[in-house]
Protein backbone atom coordinates (compact mmCIF):
# COMPACT_ATOMS: atom_id res chain seq x y z
CA MET A 1 45.22 158.50 128.83
CA ALA A 2 46.37 157.82 132.09
CA LYS A 3 48.28 154.63 132.32
CA THR A 4 47.11 151.66 134.75
CA LEU A 5 49.43 148.80 136.56
CA LYS A 6 48.05 146.39 133.89
CA ASP A 7 49.67 148.77 131.06
CA LEU A 8 53.13 148.80 132.77
CA ARG A 9 55.26 145.91 134.07
CA PRO A 10 53.46 143.02 135.75
CA VAL A 11 53.92 143.63 139.51
CA TYR A 12 53.93 140.49 141.70
CA VAL A 13 53.55 139.84 145.69
CA VAL A 14 56.06 137.10 146.78
CA GLY A 15 56.47 137.13 150.56
CA ALA A 16 54.56 138.25 153.77
CA GLY A 17 55.38 138.72 157.01
CA TRP A 18 53.58 139.59 160.27
CA HIS A 19 54.11 140.57 164.34
CA ARG A 20 51.20 139.55 165.86
CA TYR A 21 48.38 142.97 165.91
CA GLN A 22 48.26 143.18 169.98
CA PRO A 23 47.21 145.49 172.78
CA LEU A 24 49.70 148.18 173.94
CA SER A 25 52.71 146.55 175.12
CA GLU A 26 56.58 147.59 176.19
CA THR A 27 57.63 145.99 173.28
CA PRO A 28 59.74 148.50 171.38
CA TYR A 29 58.42 149.20 167.56
CA VAL A 30 61.56 147.87 165.73
CA MET A 31 61.05 144.33 167.70
CA LEU A 32 57.69 144.62 166.23
CA GLY A 33 58.72 145.47 162.46
CA LEU A 34 62.40 143.38 162.46
CA PRO A 35 59.98 140.04 162.64
CA ALA A 36 57.50 141.17 160.05
CA ILE A 37 60.19 141.63 157.41
CA ARG A 38 62.39 138.60 158.19
CA GLY A 39 59.19 136.72 158.11
CA ALA A 40 58.65 138.32 154.62
CA LEU A 41 61.70 137.99 153.10
CA ALA A 42 62.20 134.37 154.23
CA ASP A 43 58.68 133.57 152.98
CA ALA A 44 59.89 135.32 149.37
CA GLY A 45 63.46 133.50 149.64
CA ILE A 46 65.10 136.51 148.97
CA ALA A 47 68.05 138.61 151.18
CA TRP A 48 67.85 141.80 152.71
CA THR A 49 70.67 143.13 150.16
CA ASP A 50 68.17 142.12 147.45
CA VAL A 51 65.78 144.88 148.51
CA GLU A 52 66.19 148.28 145.92
CA SER A 53 63.68 150.00 148.21
CA THR A 54 61.56 150.41 150.94
CA TYR A 55 58.33 151.70 151.98
CA PHE A 56 57.27 152.33 155.48
CA GLY A 57 53.71 153.03 156.37
CA THR A 58 52.70 154.72 159.72
CA GLY A 59 50.37 156.60 161.01
CA LEU A 60 51.56 157.23 165.18
CA LEU A 61 55.52 156.53 165.21
CA GLY A 62 56.83 159.95 163.97
CA MET A 63 59.46 161.17 161.88
CA ALA A 64 62.13 158.83 160.39
CA ALA A 65 60.87 155.59 162.19
CA GLY A 66 62.04 153.70 159.14
CA ARG A 67 65.43 154.86 159.56
CA ALA A 68 65.91 153.79 163.29
CA MET A 69 64.53 150.26 162.55
CA LEU A 70 65.92 149.18 159.29
CA LYS A 71 69.34 149.94 160.22
CA HIS A 72 69.23 146.95 162.16
CA LEU A 73 69.20 144.88 159.23
CA GLY A 74 71.79 146.62 157.41
CA ALA A 75 72.30 149.93 156.15
CA THR A 76 72.15 149.51 152.40
CA GLY A 77 71.77 153.24 150.74
CA ARG A 78 68.88 152.29 149.21
CA PRO A 79 65.76 154.18 149.04
CA LEU A 80 63.31 154.86 152.19
CA VAL A 81 60.17 156.68 151.68
CA HIS A 82 57.84 157.15 154.96
CA ILE A 83 53.77 157.61 154.41
CA GLU A 84 51.33 158.76 156.55
CA ASN A 85 48.04 158.74 155.24
CA ALA A 86 45.69 157.83 158.52
CA SER A 87 44.25 154.45 158.47
CA ALA A 88 45.37 154.33 154.88
CA SER A 89 49.01 154.72 155.52
CA GLY A 90 49.64 150.74 154.36
CA SER A 91 47.83 150.88 151.52
CA ALA A 92 49.17 154.15 150.28
CA ALA A 93 52.41 152.66 150.86
CA PHE A 94 51.85 149.55 148.99
CA ARG A 95 50.68 151.16 146.25
CA HIS A 96 53.64 153.64 145.61
CA ALA A 97 56.05 150.24 145.95
CA CYS A 98 53.57 148.39 143.38
CA ILE A 99 54.39 151.68 140.92
CA GLU A 100 57.65 151.80 141.20
CA ILE A 101 57.95 148.25 140.22
CA ALA A 102 55.86 148.69 137.27
CA ALA A 103 57.46 151.65 135.97
CA GLY A 104 60.98 149.80 135.99
CA ILE A 105 62.35 152.17 138.60
CA ALA A 106 62.96 149.09 140.58
CA ASP A 107 62.77 145.40 140.50
CA VAL A 108 62.34 144.35 144.30
CA SER A 109 60.34 146.61 146.82
CA LEU A 110 59.73 146.21 150.81
CA VAL A 111 56.38 147.38 152.29
CA VAL A 112 56.45 147.71 155.82
CA GLY A 113 53.63 149.02 158.27
CA VAL A 114 54.67 149.36 162.28
CA ASP A 115 52.72 151.28 164.63
CA LYS A 116 52.05 151.57 168.29
CA PRO A 117 49.42 153.45 170.03
CA GLY A 118 50.28 156.95 170.80
CA VAL A 119 48.95 160.47 171.23
CA VAL A 120 48.51 162.09 167.79
CA GLN A 121 46.93 165.25 167.33
CA ARG A 122 45.35 165.40 163.90
CA ALA A 123 46.22 168.30 161.36
CA PHE A 124 42.68 169.72 161.21
CA THR A 125 43.07 170.60 165.13
CA LYS A 126 45.57 173.25 163.98
CA THR A 127 43.89 174.88 160.97
CA GLY A 128 42.72 177.60 163.19
CA ILE A 129 39.42 177.48 161.82
CA SER A 130 36.41 176.36 164.09
CA ASN A 131 34.03 173.45 163.07
CA LEU A 132 30.85 173.18 165.39
CA ALA A 133 30.92 169.72 164.82
CA ASP A 134 34.20 168.69 165.92
CA ASP A 135 33.63 167.95 169.35
CA ALA A 136 29.77 166.68 168.96
CA ILE A 137 30.38 163.81 166.84
CA VAL A 138 33.14 161.37 167.26
CA PRO A 139 33.25 158.27 165.03
CA PHE A 140 31.61 155.63 167.23
CA THR A 141 28.36 157.96 167.37
CA HIS A 142 28.35 158.35 163.56
CA PHE A 143 28.73 154.91 162.56
CA ALA A 144 26.13 153.66 165.31
CA LEU A 145 23.79 156.43 163.48
CA LEU A 146 24.61 154.76 160.38
CA THR A 147 23.80 151.87 162.11
CA ASN A 148 19.88 152.69 162.68
CA GLU A 149 20.13 154.40 159.52
CA TYR A 150 20.45 151.24 157.98
CA ALA A 151 18.14 148.56 160.17
CA ASN A 152 15.64 151.57 159.56
CA LYS A 153 15.72 151.83 155.98
CA HIS A 154 15.80 148.30 155.25
CA GLY A 155 13.70 146.71 157.99
CA VAL A 156 16.34 144.74 159.93
CA ALA A 157 17.04 144.88 163.76
CA PRO A 158 20.08 147.36 164.50
CA GLU A 159 21.51 143.92 166.59
CA ASP A 160 21.62 142.06 163.29
CA VAL A 161 24.25 144.19 162.13
CA ALA A 162 26.66 142.35 165.01
CA LEU A 163 26.21 139.39 163.26
CA VAL A 164 29.42 141.03 161.22
CA ALA A 165 31.40 140.64 164.36
CA VAL A 166 30.41 137.09 165.05
CA LYS A 167 31.35 136.41 161.51
CA ASN A 168 34.98 138.26 161.88
CA HIS A 169 35.64 137.13 165.40
CA ARG A 170 35.44 133.37 164.44
CA ASN A 171 37.80 134.14 161.55
CA GLY A 172 40.22 136.04 163.86
CA ALA A 173 40.31 132.90 165.87
CA LEU A 174 42.05 130.94 163.18
CA ASN A 175 44.75 133.91 162.95
CA PRO A 176 47.72 133.45 164.89
CA HIS A 177 48.47 137.18 164.03
CA ALA A 178 45.16 138.59 165.06
CA HIS A 179 44.83 140.80 167.74
CA ARG A 180 41.06 139.27 169.38
CA GLN A 181 41.63 135.13 168.76
CA GLN A 182 38.42 133.83 170.73
CA VAL A 183 35.40 132.67 169.02
CA ARG A 184 32.21 135.00 170.18
CA THR A 185 28.63 134.30 169.74
CA LEU A 186 26.05 137.05 169.41
CA GLU A 187 24.73 137.20 172.45
CA GLU A 188 28.17 137.79 173.55
CA ILE A 189 28.96 140.49 171.56
CA LEU A 190 25.84 142.60 172.51
CA GLY A 191 26.11 142.06 175.57
CA GLY A 192 29.72 143.83 175.78
CA ARG A 193 30.96 146.97 177.02
CA PRO A 194 28.50 149.82 175.28
CA VAL A 195 29.97 151.96 173.15
CA SER A 196 27.29 154.00 171.66
CA GLY A 197 23.65 153.07 170.62
CA THR A 198 23.80 149.37 169.79
CA LEU A 199 27.38 149.17 168.84
CA THR A 200 29.14 147.19 171.62
CA ALA A 201 33.00 147.32 172.16
CA LEU A 202 33.40 143.92 170.49
CA GLN A 203 31.94 145.34 167.30
CA CYS A 204 34.28 147.93 166.97
CA CYS A 205 37.94 147.34 165.88
CA PRO A 206 41.17 147.15 168.36
CA VAL A 207 43.61 149.94 168.18
CA GLY A 208 47.15 148.59 169.00
CA GLU A 209 50.41 147.48 167.92
CA GLY A 210 52.06 145.66 165.25
CA ALA A 211 53.49 145.16 162.03
CA ALA A 212 53.30 143.49 158.56
CA ALA A 213 55.19 143.69 155.26
CA VAL A 214 55.29 142.61 151.58
CA ILE A 215 57.71 141.52 149.20
CA VAL A 216 56.83 143.47 145.95
CA VAL A 217 59.04 142.40 142.52
CA SER A 218 58.90 142.29 139.10
CA GLU A 219 59.51 139.11 136.73
CA ASP A 220 63.08 140.31 136.16
CA ALA A 221 63.62 139.68 139.52
CA ILE A 222 61.72 136.52 140.06
CA LYS A 223 63.85 135.22 137.49
CA ARG A 224 67.17 136.14 138.34
CA LEU A 225 66.76 136.07 142.23
CA GLY A 226 65.44 132.41 141.64
CA ILE A 227 61.98 132.96 143.36
CA ASP A 228 59.36 130.42 143.56
CA PRO A 229 56.38 131.15 140.75
CA ALA A 230 54.20 129.72 142.55
CA HIS A 231 54.87 132.24 145.65
CA ALA A 232 53.77 135.04 143.04
CA VAL A 233 50.58 136.92 143.28
CA ARG A 234 49.68 139.48 140.28
CA VAL A 235 48.58 143.07 141.20
CA THR A 236 46.20 143.58 138.63
CA ALA A 237 44.74 146.88 139.86
CA SER A 238 45.75 150.05 142.22
CA ALA A 239 43.22 152.65 142.80
CA ALA A 240 43.39 155.67 144.95
CA SER A 241 41.05 159.02 145.25
CA SER A 242 40.04 161.40 148.04
CA GLU A 243 36.84 163.10 149.05
CA ARG A 244 35.10 165.45 146.47
CA ALA A 245 32.19 168.15 147.01
CA GLY A 246 28.46 166.98 146.47
CA ALA A 247 29.10 163.47 147.30
CA VAL A 248 25.70 161.48 147.91
CA GLY A 249 25.18 159.77 151.38
CA ALA A 250 27.75 158.37 153.93
CA ALA A 251 31.15 160.08 152.56
CA ASP A 252 32.78 156.28 153.45
CA ALA A 253 30.50 154.57 151.39
CA SER A 254 30.82 157.14 148.71
CA ILE A 255 34.46 157.27 147.98
CA THR A 256 34.37 153.38 148.34
CA LYS A 257 32.01 153.11 145.19
CA ASP A 258 33.80 154.92 143.30
CA THR A 259 37.46 153.67 144.10
CA ILE A 260 36.15 149.87 143.86
CA ALA A 261 34.72 150.54 140.70
CA GLU A 262 37.62 152.01 139.23
CA ALA A 263 39.80 149.09 140.49
CA LEU A 264 37.49 146.47 138.99
CA ALA A 265 37.70 148.43 135.62
CA GLN A 266 41.30 148.25 136.03
CA ALA A 267 41.50 144.59 136.58
CA GLN A 268 38.59 143.65 134.32
CA VAL A 269 36.78 141.87 137.02
CA GLY A 270 33.39 142.00 138.04
CA PRO A 271 32.18 142.14 141.65
CA LYS A 272 30.80 139.02 141.66
CA GLN A 273 34.39 137.52 140.55
CA ILE A 274 35.79 138.31 143.64
CA ASP A 275 36.77 135.13 145.87
CA VAL A 276 38.38 136.77 148.93
CA MET A 277 38.12 140.47 150.42
CA GLU A 278 39.66 142.35 153.13
CA LEU A 279 37.58 145.44 153.59
CA HIS A 280 37.90 148.72 156.11
CA ASP A 281 35.59 146.97 158.69
CA ALA A 282 36.15 149.40 161.66
CA PHE A 283 33.07 149.43 162.73
CA THR A 284 30.39 146.49 162.05
CA ILE A 285 27.75 148.37 159.51
CA GLU A 286 31.32 149.54 157.45
CA GLU A 287 31.29 146.00 156.01
CA LEU A 288 27.49 145.91 154.88
CA GLN A 289 28.02 149.22 153.52
CA TYR A 290 31.13 148.33 151.36
CA VAL A 291 29.61 144.96 150.36
CA GLU A 292 26.87 146.82 148.77
CA ALA A 293 28.54 150.14 147.55
CA MET A 294 30.85 147.67 145.33
CA GLY A 295 28.22 145.75 143.75
CA ILE A 296 28.30 142.25 144.83
CA CYS A 297 24.15 142.79 146.16
CA LYS A 298 21.54 145.40 146.36
CA PRO A 299 21.11 148.03 149.34
CA GLY A 300 20.04 145.95 152.52
CA GLU A 301 20.78 142.67 150.74
CA ALA A 302 23.97 142.27 152.62
CA ILE A 303 22.81 141.64 155.75
CA HIS A 304 20.94 138.69 154.40
CA LEU A 305 23.20 137.35 152.40
CA LEU A 306 25.39 137.55 155.67
CA LYS A 307 22.77 135.40 157.96
CA GLU A 308 23.19 132.96 154.85
CA GLY A 309 26.53 132.44 155.23
CA ALA A 310 27.45 134.17 151.78
CA PHE A 311 30.41 135.74 153.17
CA ASP A 312 31.58 132.97 155.51
CA ILE A 313 34.94 131.11 154.26
CA GLY A 314 33.63 128.83 151.83
CA GLY A 315 30.77 130.79 151.12
CA GLN A 316 30.23 133.11 147.97
CA CYS A 317 32.92 135.22 148.75
CA ALA A 318 34.95 135.40 151.87
CA VAL A 319 34.84 138.88 153.43
CA SER A 320 37.52 139.70 156.15
CA PRO A 321 39.02 135.82 156.19
CA SER A 322 41.85 137.57 158.71
CA GLY A 323 39.39 138.51 160.70
CA GLY A 324 39.08 141.95 159.71
CA LEU A 325 39.84 145.22 161.60
CA ILE A 326 37.42 144.20 164.05
CA ALA A 327 39.56 140.76 164.93
CA MET A 328 42.76 141.20 163.00
CA GLY A 329 42.82 144.67 164.67
CA HIS A 330 43.86 147.79 163.40
CA PRO A 331 47.23 149.21 164.68
CA ILE A 332 46.90 152.10 161.63
CA GLY A 333 50.20 151.47 159.67
CA PRO A 334 50.22 147.96 159.38
CA THR A 335 46.35 147.15 158.48
CA GLY A 336 46.55 147.76 154.79
CA VAL A 337 49.67 146.17 154.39
CA GLY A 338 48.53 142.63 156.29
CA GLN A 339 45.36 142.85 153.86
CA ILE A 340 47.54 142.55 151.41
CA GLY A 341 49.58 139.84 152.80
CA GLU A 342 46.65 137.52 153.85
CA LEU A 343 45.26 138.11 150.18
CA ALA A 344 48.89 136.71 148.74
CA LEU A 345 47.95 133.62 151.45
CA GLN A 346 44.74 133.15 150.28
CA LEU A 347 45.49 133.08 146.27
CA ARG A 348 48.58 131.03 146.88
CA GLY A 349 46.33 128.74 148.95
CA ASP A 350 48.71 128.79 152.22
CA ALA A 351 46.16 130.27 154.46
CA GLY A 352 45.56 127.10 156.58
CA PRO A 353 42.45 126.68 158.15
CA ARG A 354 41.49 129.83 157.03
CA GLN A 355 41.67 129.27 153.26
CA HIS A 356 38.47 130.08 150.92
CA LYS A 357 39.03 126.96 148.71
CA GLY A 358 39.76 128.02 144.96
CA ALA A 359 40.20 131.63 145.64
CA LYS A 360 41.54 133.34 142.56
CA VAL A 361 40.62 136.82 142.49
CA GLY A 362 41.03 139.23 145.90
CA LEU A 363 40.22 142.68 146.65
CA ALA A 364 41.77 144.90 149.65
CA HIS A 365 40.17 147.77 150.46
CA MET A 366 40.91 150.68 153.18
CA VAL A 367 39.61 154.03 153.78
CA GLY A 368 41.63 156.94 155.59
CA LEU A 369 39.35 159.35 157.76
CA GLY A 370 37.02 159.40 155.02
CA ALA A 371 39.13 161.63 153.42
CA VAL A 372 41.09 158.99 151.05
CA CYS A 373 40.41 155.23 149.45
CA TYR A 374 42.88 152.91 148.33
CA VAL A 375 41.84 149.57 146.55
CA HIS A 376 43.96 146.73 145.22
CA VAL A 377 43.07 143.77 143.24
CA LEU A 378 45.61 140.53 143.07
CA GLN A 379 44.89 137.64 140.87
CA ARG A 380 46.35 134.61 140.71
CA PRO A 381 48.41 133.67 137.73
């Protein structure tokens, strides 16, 4: 029978750091990543030379980007792995660092995500196999159609879905690392630049640049390096999956349902025990889909819970207190790493004005092009 993280050595997140997610600038990617790494090391209270391996998540920078950046911290000869997995690149990097620590191969691992917008040719364009739909349904049209489908099926106005953006922009305004840091009214969001259907630009995630880093360690490292135990948040589940034939309904929601169920089973917690979560809300409708897919409520009920404030900071479950992809931003490689960092702060009680009181269990979820899904559960010891 396959083992999970709970069957191996305990794994902890002890430090987190960021470079603000922001619009494309002239800042070199090296100068985005280094502050995030130094921030995570300082937060953990350890030195760069204590790090035994590095997992580098990026989707847009090209080959060997980590080498050119990490040498400015000092060439230590330790293992370096580059991971590209679309929007889930940072989440995949985090999972493999956790596996390495849990297996006892290393005691201290750095996970860093860095990206800058660029022209990237997706692999499916090179397969030599044509697809009639490739140029017909772009992502924002797909999610605009899903918005209408949800509204028609559950008897709500498509415009109500924009309330997800109201909440997440409000959260982002409290986050100094967020791409968007401005409170927006429903009228402002609906009156923004039209994108597709009822979707406007403020209901879609901005893809900019930035960096995020976390430090993953074993119990041995905490004791040996004198790391503050109050900074240690345990990773109790890591689940990953890829698309499969025969999925019913929206592919992203289907893969999410299965992967979250696996992660919750690993952590031995129920969906209603989650206090805080960071979701892949690239478009507003996704938050509603994923909350329902994980079993917090029945299909069609998420919009009503949202209106009641159940997903606010201080509500039943704080959903995307960082601002989510919609306000925090989605620079690709850093996104999944930043989610883990936000959960670590929340579970430590160090999230400042974004703090969800009494948070003990957190969940991070990312999808990569609908082909892969990663879910992690973190818990306060």
